Each structure stands twice: as structure tokens, then as C-alpha cells.
Protein backbone atom coordinates (compact mmCIF):
# COMPACT_ATOMS: atom_id res chain seq x y z
CA MET A 1 95.33 15.28 18.91
CA THR A 2 96.66 12.36 20.90
CA GLU A 3 94.42 9.75 22.48
CA GLU A 4 93.24 9.81 26.08
CA GLY A 5 96.01 9.50 28.68
CA SER A 6 98.96 9.95 26.31
CA ARG A 7 99.73 13.66 26.56
CA VAL A 8 103.00 14.94 27.93
CA SER A 9 102.80 16.56 31.38
CA ARG A 10 102.02 20.22 30.81
CA ARG A 11 104.56 21.47 33.34
CA ALA A 12 107.27 19.17 32.03
CA PHE A 13 106.47 20.36 28.51
CA LEU A 14 106.52 24.02 29.49
CA ALA A 15 109.93 23.50 31.07
CA THR A 16 111.38 22.04 27.84
CA GLY A 17 109.15 23.59 25.19
CA ALA A 18 111.62 26.23 24.03
CA ALA A 19 114.21 23.58 23.33
CA VAL A 20 111.93 21.55 21.10
CA GLY A 21 110.40 24.27 19.03
CA GLY A 22 107.86 25.82 21.39
CA SER A 23 104.31 26.80 20.58
CA ALA A 24 103.58 24.80 17.43
CA LEU A 25 104.30 21.49 19.15
CA ALA A 26 102.69 22.63 22.40
CA GLY A 27 99.37 23.16 20.65
CA CYS A 28 99.34 19.53 19.58
CA LEU A 29 100.41 18.03 22.89
CA THR A 30 98.27 20.07 25.22
CA GLY A 31 95.02 20.45 23.36
CA GLY A 32 95.54 23.89 21.89
CA ALA A 33 93.61 24.81 18.78
CA SER A 34 95.77 27.59 17.38
CA GLY A 35 95.43 26.19 13.85
CA LYS A 36 91.65 26.19 13.87
CA ASP A 37 89.42 28.88 12.43
CA THR A 38 87.21 28.88 15.54
CA VAL A 39 87.56 28.49 19.26
CA LYS A 40 85.49 25.57 20.51
CA LEU A 41 84.11 25.42 24.05
CA GLY A 42 82.51 22.34 25.54
CA ILE A 43 79.33 23.19 27.47
CA ILE A 44 77.98 19.93 28.92
CA GLU A 45 75.19 20.93 31.30
CA ASP A 46 71.99 19.13 32.28
CA ARG A 47 68.84 20.24 30.47
CA SER A 48 66.81 17.15 31.32
CA GLY A 49 66.74 14.60 34.10
CA ASN A 50 67.10 15.12 37.85
CA PHE A 51 69.35 18.15 37.62
CA ALA A 52 67.62 19.99 34.77
CA LEU A 53 66.32 22.64 37.18
CA ASN A 54 69.91 23.57 38.07
CA GLY A 55 71.65 22.82 34.81
CA THR A 56 69.36 24.67 32.40
CA PRO A 57 70.28 28.14 33.72
CA LYS A 58 73.97 27.15 33.53
CA TYR A 59 73.57 26.25 29.88
CA GLN A 60 71.61 29.43 29.15
CA ALA A 61 74.12 31.74 30.81
CA SER A 62 76.93 30.00 28.93
CA MET A 63 75.22 30.60 25.61
CA LEU A 64 74.70 34.26 26.55
CA ALA A 65 78.40 34.64 27.33
CA VAL A 66 79.37 33.05 24.01
CA GLU A 67 76.92 35.26 22.11
CA GLU A 68 78.36 38.36 23.76
CA LEU A 69 81.91 37.29 22.96
CA ASN A 70 81.04 36.74 19.30
CA GLU A 71 79.28 40.10 19.12
CA ASN A 72 82.55 41.67 20.24
CA GLY A 73 84.94 39.91 17.89
CA GLY A 74 85.13 36.45 19.42
CA ILE A 75 88.36 35.23 21.00
CA LEU A 76 91.63 36.12 19.24
CA GLY A 77 89.54 37.33 16.32
CA LYS A 78 87.97 33.89 15.93
CA ASP A 79 84.31 32.98 16.32
CA VAL A 80 83.46 30.95 19.39
CA GLU A 81 81.50 27.77 18.74
CA THR A 82 80.21 25.24 21.23
CA PHE A 83 79.88 21.51 21.67
CA ALA A 84 76.79 21.49 23.87
CA PRO A 85 74.97 18.13 24.16
CA ASP A 86 72.54 17.40 26.97
CA PRO A 87 74.06 14.86 29.41
CA GLN A 88 70.57 14.21 30.80
CA SER A 89 71.76 14.12 34.43
CA ASP A 90 73.40 10.76 33.73
CA ASN A 91 76.97 10.26 34.94
CA GLN A 92 77.74 7.47 32.48
CA ARG A 93 76.64 9.77 29.65
CA TYR A 94 78.85 12.51 31.17
CA GLN A 95 81.84 10.20 30.82
CA GLN A 96 81.01 9.42 27.21
CA LEU A 97 80.46 13.06 26.30
CA THR A 98 83.61 14.20 28.09
CA ARG A 99 85.71 11.76 26.07
CA GLN A 100 83.93 12.88 22.90
CA ALA A 101 84.52 16.55 23.72
CA ILE A 102 88.24 15.96 24.21
CA ASN A 103 89.14 13.30 21.65
CA GLU A 104 86.69 14.01 18.82
CA GLU A 105 85.55 17.61 19.20
CA HIS A 106 88.95 18.83 20.42
CA VAL A 107 87.44 21.47 22.70
CA ASP A 108 89.74 24.22 23.87
CA ALA A 109 88.10 24.35 27.31
CA LEU A 110 85.31 22.45 29.02
CA TRP A 111 82.44 23.40 31.33
CA ALA A 112 80.52 20.40 32.68
CA GLY A 113 78.42 19.13 35.53
CA TYR A 114 76.26 20.22 38.41
CA SER A 115 76.84 17.71 41.21
CA SER A 116 80.08 16.81 42.98
CA ALA A 117 79.38 13.22 42.00
CA THR A 118 79.43 14.21 38.34
CA ARG A 119 82.63 16.20 38.80
CA GLU A 120 84.37 13.23 40.40
CA THR A 121 83.04 10.91 37.69
CA ILE A 122 84.67 12.90 34.89
CA ARG A 123 87.71 14.34 36.66
CA PRO A 124 89.89 11.25 36.01
CA ILE A 125 89.20 11.69 32.29
CA ILE A 126 90.01 15.38 32.56
CA ASP A 127 93.29 14.63 34.32
CA GLN A 128 94.35 11.81 31.99
CA ASN A 129 93.95 14.17 29.06
CA GLU A 130 95.28 17.31 30.79
CA GLN A 131 92.10 19.08 29.70
CA LEU A 132 91.33 22.59 30.93
CA TYR A 133 88.09 22.23 32.89
CA PHE A 134 85.85 24.71 34.73
CA TYR A 135 83.54 23.38 37.43
CA THR A 136 81.04 26.08 38.32
CA THR A 137 78.78 24.74 41.08
CA GLN A 138 79.26 25.94 44.63
CA TYR A 139 80.60 22.87 46.36
CA GLU A 140 82.11 21.25 49.46
CA GLY A 141 85.63 22.49 48.65
CA GLY A 142 89.07 20.93 48.75
CA VAL A 143 89.67 20.05 45.09
CA ALA A 144 93.29 20.79 44.20
CA ASP A 145 93.63 19.78 40.57
CA SER A 146 96.08 21.12 38.00
CA TYR A 147 93.46 21.05 35.24
CA THR A 148 90.28 21.92 37.17
CA PHE A 149 89.25 25.46 38.05
CA CYS A 150 86.47 25.60 40.67
CA MET A 151 84.47 28.74 40.06
CA GLY A 152 81.74 28.38 42.69
CA ALA A 153 82.05 29.34 46.33
CA THR A 154 83.25 26.58 48.64
CA ALA A 155 81.37 25.40 51.72
CA ARG A 156 83.81 27.29 53.93
CA GLN A 157 83.14 30.49 52.00
CA GLN A 158 79.35 30.06 52.03
CA LEU A 159 79.02 28.84 55.58
CA GLY A 160 81.72 31.26 56.66
CA SER A 161 79.38 34.08 55.71
CA VAL A 162 76.01 32.84 56.99
CA PHE A 163 77.02 30.84 60.09
CA PRO A 164 78.61 33.75 62.01
CA TYR A 165 75.57 35.88 61.14
CA MET A 166 73.23 33.26 62.55
CA VAL A 167 75.22 32.92 65.78
CA GLU A 168 75.39 36.67 66.26
CA ASN A 169 71.70 37.24 65.63
CA PHE A 170 69.98 34.13 66.98
CA GLY A 171 72.21 32.29 69.44
CA LYS A 172 74.76 29.52 69.79
CA ASP A 173 72.74 26.28 69.79
CA VAL A 174 72.71 24.74 66.31
CA TYR A 175 70.97 21.74 64.77
CA THR A 176 72.34 20.52 61.41
CA ILE A 177 70.41 18.59 58.80
CA ALA A 178 72.39 17.69 55.69
CA ALA A 179 72.07 15.58 52.57
CA ASP A 180 73.63 12.17 53.11
CA TYR A 181 76.37 12.17 50.48
CA ASN A 182 79.77 13.76 49.89
CA PHE A 183 78.60 17.37 49.71
CA GLY A 184 76.33 17.24 52.76
CA GLN A 185 78.75 15.29 54.91
CA LEU A 186 81.68 17.60 54.23
CA SER A 187 79.49 20.69 54.63
CA ALA A 188 78.41 19.39 58.05
CA ASP A 189 82.11 18.98 58.88
CA TRP A 190 82.57 22.67 58.13
CA VAL A 191 79.61 23.56 60.34
CA ARG A 192 81.42 21.80 63.21
CA VAL A 193 84.64 23.66 62.45
CA LEU A 194 82.83 27.01 62.35
CA ALA A 195 80.92 26.19 65.51
CA ASP A 196 84.22 25.71 67.30
CA GLU A 197 85.63 28.93 65.86
CA HIS A 198 82.56 30.93 66.96
CA GLY A 199 81.85 29.31 70.29
CA ALA A 200 78.63 27.62 69.15
CA ASN A 201 77.21 24.24 70.15
CA ILE A 202 76.01 21.48 67.83
CA VAL A 203 72.94 20.16 69.67
CA GLY A 204 71.92 17.75 66.93
CA GLU A 205 73.00 16.49 63.52
CA GLU A 206 71.16 14.37 60.96
CA PHE A 207 72.12 13.15 57.51
CA ILE A 208 69.12 12.74 55.22
CA PRO A 209 69.21 10.29 52.28
CA LEU A 210 68.43 11.93 48.96
CA SER A 211 65.36 9.71 48.54
CA VAL A 212 63.64 11.01 51.71
CA THR A 213 60.47 13.07 51.31
CA ASP A 214 58.93 12.67 54.80
CA PHE A 215 60.62 14.87 57.37
CA GLY A 216 58.23 14.26 60.26
CA SER A 217 60.75 12.56 62.53
CA THR A 218 63.43 15.13 61.72
CA ILE A 219 61.08 17.99 62.53
CA ASN A 220 60.18 16.32 65.84
CA ASN A 221 63.86 15.89 66.66
CA ILE A 222 64.54 19.56 65.96
CA GLN A 223 61.60 20.64 68.11
CA ASN A 224 62.79 18.45 70.98
CA ALA A 225 66.34 19.80 70.75
CA ASP A 226 65.04 23.41 70.72
CA PRO A 227 68.03 24.98 68.91
CA ASP A 228 68.45 28.68 68.28
CA PHE A 229 68.72 27.99 64.56
CA VAL A 230 69.01 25.14 62.06
CA MET A 231 71.67 24.72 59.39
CA ALA A 232 69.70 23.11 56.54
CA LEU A 233 72.07 21.70 53.93
CA LEU A 234 69.46 19.93 51.83
CA VAL A 235 69.59 19.26 48.10
CA GLY A 236 67.45 17.82 45.32
CA ALA A 237 63.79 17.60 44.47
CA ASN A 238 62.85 15.19 47.27
CA HIS A 239 64.30 17.39 50.00
CA THR A 240 62.21 20.33 48.83
CA SER A 241 59.30 18.81 50.73
CA PHE A 242 60.99 19.75 54.01
CA TRP A 243 60.07 23.41 53.68
CA ASN A 244 56.30 23.04 53.47
CA GLN A 245 56.37 20.33 56.13
CA ARG A 246 58.26 22.50 58.60
CA THR A 247 55.72 25.30 58.02
CA SER A 248 52.79 22.93 58.58
CA ALA A 249 54.41 21.66 61.77
CA GLY A 250 54.90 25.20 63.10
CA LEU A 251 58.69 24.89 63.15
CA ASP A 252 59.27 28.62 63.36
CA ILE A 253 63.06 28.57 63.81
CA PRO A 254 65.50 30.56 61.64
CA MET A 255 67.26 28.42 59.04
CA GLY A 256 70.73 28.95 57.65
CA THR A 257 71.71 27.32 54.37
CA SER A 258 74.29 27.11 51.62
CA THR A 259 72.08 25.24 49.17
CA VAL A 260 68.43 26.23 48.78
CA MET A 261 67.07 29.33 47.01
CA ALA A 262 70.21 30.36 45.12
CA GLN A 263 70.37 27.02 43.31
CA GLY A 264 66.84 25.67 43.05
CA TYR A 265 64.94 28.96 43.63
CA GLN A 266 62.54 27.38 46.12
CA HIS A 267 61.39 30.87 47.14
CA LYS A 268 59.94 31.18 43.64
CA ARG A 269 58.58 27.65 43.30
CA LEU A 270 56.98 27.22 46.74
CA ASP A 271 54.10 29.22 48.14
CA ALA A 272 54.85 31.64 50.94
CA PRO A 273 55.62 31.37 53.79
CA ALA A 274 57.48 28.06 53.21
CA MET A 275 60.86 29.81 53.06
CA LYS A 276 60.21 32.33 55.81
CA ASP A 277 63.37 33.30 57.68
CA VAL A 278 65.74 31.28 55.58
CA TYR A 279 69.19 32.87 55.47
CA GLY A 280 71.57 31.81 52.71
CA GLY A 281 75.29 32.35 52.31
CA PHE A 282 75.66 32.91 48.56
CA ASN A 283 77.78 34.89 46.14
CA TYR A 284 74.73 35.54 43.95
CA MET A 285 70.97 35.59 43.73
CA GLU A 286 69.01 37.02 40.84
CA GLU A 287 67.48 39.59 43.17
CA LEU A 288 70.86 41.24 43.92
CA PRO A 289 70.01 44.97 43.81
CA THR A 290 72.98 46.41 41.90
CA LYS A 291 73.00 48.20 38.56
CA ARG A 292 75.50 45.74 37.11
CA ASN A 293 73.36 42.79 38.04
CA GLU A 294 70.14 44.39 36.89
CA GLU A 295 71.72 44.97 33.48
CA PHE A 296 72.87 41.35 33.34
CA VAL A 297 69.42 40.06 34.34
CA SER A 298 67.86 42.21 31.62
CA ARG A 299 70.20 40.77 28.95
CA PHE A 300 69.59 37.23 30.17
CA TYR A 301 65.80 37.47 29.98
CA GLU A 302 65.95 39.28 26.66
CA LYS A 303 67.67 36.17 25.27
CA TYR A 304 65.62 33.69 27.35
CA PRO A 305 62.22 35.29 28.09
CA ASP A 306 60.77 31.99 29.32
CA ALA A 307 63.65 31.20 31.69
CA LYS A 308 62.65 30.34 35.25
CA TYR A 309 65.50 31.87 37.28
CA ILE A 310 69.17 32.82 37.09
CA ASN A 311 70.82 30.65 39.70
CA GLU A 312 74.17 30.98 41.40
CA GLU A 313 75.85 28.45 39.10
CA ALA A 314 74.64 30.26 36.00
CA VAL A 315 76.60 33.42 36.76
CA ASN A 316 79.65 31.29 37.55
CA ASN A 317 79.45 29.80 34.04
CA TYR A 318 78.97 33.27 32.60
CA PHE A 319 81.93 35.01 34.22
CA SER A 320 84.30 32.04 33.83
CA ILE A 321 83.75 31.92 30.07
CA LYS A 322 84.62 35.62 29.93
CA MET A 323 87.62 34.94 32.18
CA TYR A 324 88.82 32.19 29.85
CA ALA A 325 88.57 34.58 26.91
CA LYS A 326 90.59 37.18 28.79
CA ALA A 327 93.34 34.65 29.51
CA ALA A 328 93.44 33.47 25.88
CA GLU A 329 93.79 37.05 24.68
CA ALA A 330 96.58 37.63 27.20
CA VAL A 331 98.67 34.67 25.98
CA GLY A 332 97.72 35.11 22.33
CA SER A 333 96.62 31.53 21.77
CA THR A 334 94.26 28.80 22.89
CA ASN A 335 97.11 26.55 23.99
CA GLN A 336 95.74 25.02 27.15
CA ALA A 337 99.02 24.80 29.08
CA ASP A 338 99.70 28.47 28.38
CA ILE A 339 96.21 29.50 29.46
CA ILE A 340 96.45 27.48 32.68
CA ALA A 341 99.77 29.13 33.44
CA GLU A 342 98.21 32.54 32.79
CA LEU A 343 95.25 31.80 35.05
CA GLU A 344 97.59 30.63 37.78
CA LYS A 345 99.01 34.15 37.97
CA GLY A 346 95.59 35.28 39.27
CA MET A 347 93.12 37.58 37.57
CA ASP A 348 90.61 40.28 38.38
CA VAL A 349 87.15 39.49 37.03
CA SER A 350 84.10 41.66 36.46
CA ALA A 351 81.05 39.50 37.25
CA PRO A 352 77.33 40.07 37.80
CA GLU A 353 77.95 39.60 41.54
CA GLY A 354 80.54 42.41 41.48
CA ASP A 355 84.31 42.60 41.13
CA ILE A 356 85.94 39.33 42.14
CA SER A 357 89.31 37.68 41.66
CA LEU A 358 90.82 34.34 40.73
CA GLN A 359 93.23 32.92 43.29
CA GLY A 360 95.53 31.43 40.70
CA PRO A 361 97.66 29.07 42.80
CA VAL A 362 94.59 27.21 44.11
CA HIS A 363 92.29 27.54 41.06
CA HIS A 364 89.45 29.02 43.14
CA MET A 365 87.74 32.40 43.41
CA THR A 366 87.55 35.13 46.01
CA HIS A 367 83.83 35.84 45.99
CA ASN A 368 81.51 38.57 47.23
CA MET A 369 79.73 36.49 49.86
CA ARG A 370 76.37 37.76 51.04
CA VAL A 371 73.75 36.73 53.56
CA PHE A 372 70.45 36.74 51.68
CA HIS A 373 67.22 36.68 53.73
CA CYS A 374 63.83 35.40 52.59
CA ASP A 375 60.89 36.97 54.46
CA GLU A 376 57.36 35.63 55.02
CA ASN A 377 56.29 36.92 51.59
CA HIS A 378 59.34 35.38 49.89
CA ASN A 379 60.95 38.72 49.23
CA ILE A 380 64.76 38.63 49.18
CA SER A 381 67.04 41.15 50.84
CA VAL A 382 70.77 41.35 51.61
CA LYS A 383 71.61 41.38 55.31
CA ALA A 384 75.41 41.29 55.21
CA GLN A 385 78.24 41.03 52.71
CA GLU A 386 82.01 40.67 52.59
CA LYS A 387 84.70 39.40 50.24
CA ILE A 388 85.81 35.95 51.35
CA PRO A 389 88.72 34.15 49.70
CA GLU A 390 89.18 30.41 49.43
CA GLN A 391 91.06 29.65 52.65
CA PHE A 392 91.24 25.88 53.12
CA LEU A 393 93.59 25.02 50.24
CA SER A 394 95.49 28.30 50.27
CA GLU A 395 96.02 28.74 54.02
CA THR A 396 95.32 25.48 55.85
CA VAL A 397 96.69 22.95 53.35
CA GLY A 398 99.20 25.24 51.62
CA VAL A 399 98.50 24.23 48.01
CA ASN A 400 100.27 25.98 45.15
CA LEU A 401 99.28 24.47 41.81
CA ALA A 402 101.53 26.90 39.95
CA LYS A 403 104.51 25.06 41.45
CA GLU A 404 103.27 21.49 41.90
CA ASP A 405 101.00 19.34 39.74
CA MET A 406 98.24 17.72 41.79
CA THR A 407 94.89 15.99 41.27
CA LYS A 408 93.62 15.55 44.86
CA GLN A 409 90.66 16.49 47.01
CA PHE A 410 91.49 17.46 50.58
CA VAL A 411 88.93 17.11 53.37
CA PRO A 412 88.58 19.09 56.62
CA ALA A 413 88.74 15.99 58.86
CA ASN A 414 92.45 15.66 58.05
CA TYR A 415 93.14 19.17 59.34
CA PHE A 416 90.50 19.99 61.97
CA GLU A 417 89.81 17.82 64.98
CA GLU A 418 86.21 19.11 65.13
CA ALA A 419 85.51 17.72 61.66
CA ASP A 420 86.82 14.23 62.43
CA THR A 421 83.89 12.26 63.87
CA THR A 422 86.06 9.15 64.40
CA LYS A 423 87.79 10.78 67.37
């Protein structure tokens, strides 16, 4: 293995590989492990620290996927092993462990990180090393990276399912409250874009620092604005206090979201009716009433009987590990450049959420997006569902990573006037 930053461009190598002897050399230059007796996957997910609540199910679902692969012959007839340290919700430790995974453990593929901040902390290391990387959290969207595959639904997919439902059922006046960092700001941009597309009005917008636990002034502002519904794009432990506070204040307004319940299972952790009439746009919740999902949930809790909840990210880890295995079997090796090229052709995937597909040229998924409703007793039901592809990179920007190497993140403000608050 070469040191960080010294690998030959994968597309340049693929173009000349036949002339220089092909697959044997490619395995060395691009991180393949065809000479090893096992296939090694890096699973770097938080099991302690601020993001343990979200990261622990991701780790657990990953281990379940690996166990199931090994029970069925592994990958290419080789056992699958893991490099799975706890990054402890610390971005500096993520950087250290990512370098270790690549340069010392020689992982064939890497799964790592919950937050967008973590992703952006390690993505330069990923790109310098041309390391195949799967990011599995639902996120703000826009990452077009030749080595990163984003498995979670984007903000446009999530909000594109729940926002139209809210407008149709409750009205056109919207108040947005969002976490004050990259994810929340860009998600609020997408709310503005969708409001324009659906003839809705943004009657108020607030960005809440992650340290805030007192939402009294925000609740007063919402009550004074009297919207038809609120888009609540809150994240983290501190923001959880909003839900009990809005109940105590009698803020009985429907809430749309792309964050709570499916990630941090607040409907399980908070007493009813804190989450009454919260509507989430998600590709998955544990309560999804299908036979396939019920079988998956049963297997998960058989392995982890003390687990708290299977969140949305967990199933994204699970299906993407199976998808990686499918691609490796298709190309007959663990050569990373070959597997990336295979994935970029697109692929149908059987997941706990249902049948989905990889949009190869943009490294994102077409998901089964659903509107999940939480009632006054915290029971979950599905109110609407449709398949929604990734649209921003594929249609608006026109990205094709199968033809052009790229390591960018695009933002809606550069393409939609409604998202650009400087105008």
C-alpha cells in the first residue's frame, strides 16, 4: 500500500491499466486486497460521546450485515472481518482512525460518521487516498465525490415527501426552525425552494444553536406568527427539549420534520403526547409494517436483544454493506477502482425499507420515501409513500461521476433564487 495522497488517479489508471499489466498492479495502487485471505471493512461509528444514540444502531446493523455475509460464504469466498474502533464522537479521533484504517489496516471499504461535520472532516483524507467510502446518514445533499457514496436520503428527498403533504393537509403558511449549522441551514434552503414550488409562504424562520435548551422565545414567536404548520429541523440532545416545552406551552400545531424520530427515536424516549402530530419524511422507521422489515427487525433484536431502536441510518449501513458485497462479486475482486466503476453502473438493492436502487452516476440512492405520523399516544403510522430519486445533483446540477472525477459539495443557493438569502 502506498502512503496517503500518493495513489494514481483511479480513472487515469483504469484508462491505462491494460497496457501496464492490469489487475495485479491495480490492486496495489487503488487499495484492493485481492491477495488477502479476508475482506476487511472499516466500520467507524460512534458508540460513545454525543452521537452514541445515533451511531450505536449503525454499528450494530453493520455487524449484523457482516455476520449474515459470513454465514453465506463471505465475499468472494473469503471471510469478512472488520476494523471497528469507537471514534467517541470526536472528529479529531475520526481523522486519526480514518488514516489508520486506510494506511495500516488496508480496509477494502469504509463506513464512517454520523454528522455532516464528521463527513467533511474525513472526506479530504478519503479523497487523497482514493478510498471507497460509504456515508450512511440522511443529510443536506449535494456531495458529488468520486470516492464517496451517500446512502441516506437527501434533504430534498425527505422534505420533498413531507412538505407537500403538510401543505395539502394543513395549509400554506409555514414557520421553519432549524439547527444552526450546515445541515440545518441547507435544509431550510430546501424548505424555501419547496415552498416556492408548492405555492406556500414562509412566515417565519429561526436558526437554533446546538447548545440551546430553552425554546420559550421560539415558541412565542411561532404562536404570534400563527402558521398552519412548522417545519422542525432540530438535531441533537439539547434540541430534544423543544418537544416537551411545546406541549407544555399548548403549541398544538402540526410539525413536519426530516430529523426527529427516525434518527433519535424521540417518540420512544419521550412521554406522550410530546411528539403528537409530528410528520416525518423518512425512508425508514422501525415500525414500518411490511413482512420484509418485520423479518429484519426480528433478526436485529435476536442479535442485539438490549438494543434501543433501529434508526434510519442503521438500515442504510446494513443494505450498503450488502450492496458492496454484490458489487465485489460482480467484478470478481475487491479492487476499489473496479468496484466503484461497477457501482457507477447503478444497482438494484433489496433493503429493509423495500426495493430501492443506486443512482450510479451521482453515488446516491432512489429511496422509498414515506410520511410517518406520530399520534398522541406515540403510535406510528404511514400516511403516504412514493419512490423519490436524488434530483439535485442528477437533474439540476447535471453531475456524472462515471465520466468526471469530482470532490465537491453543491448547494441550492447557487441554483435556486429562493435559497439564496443574500438577494
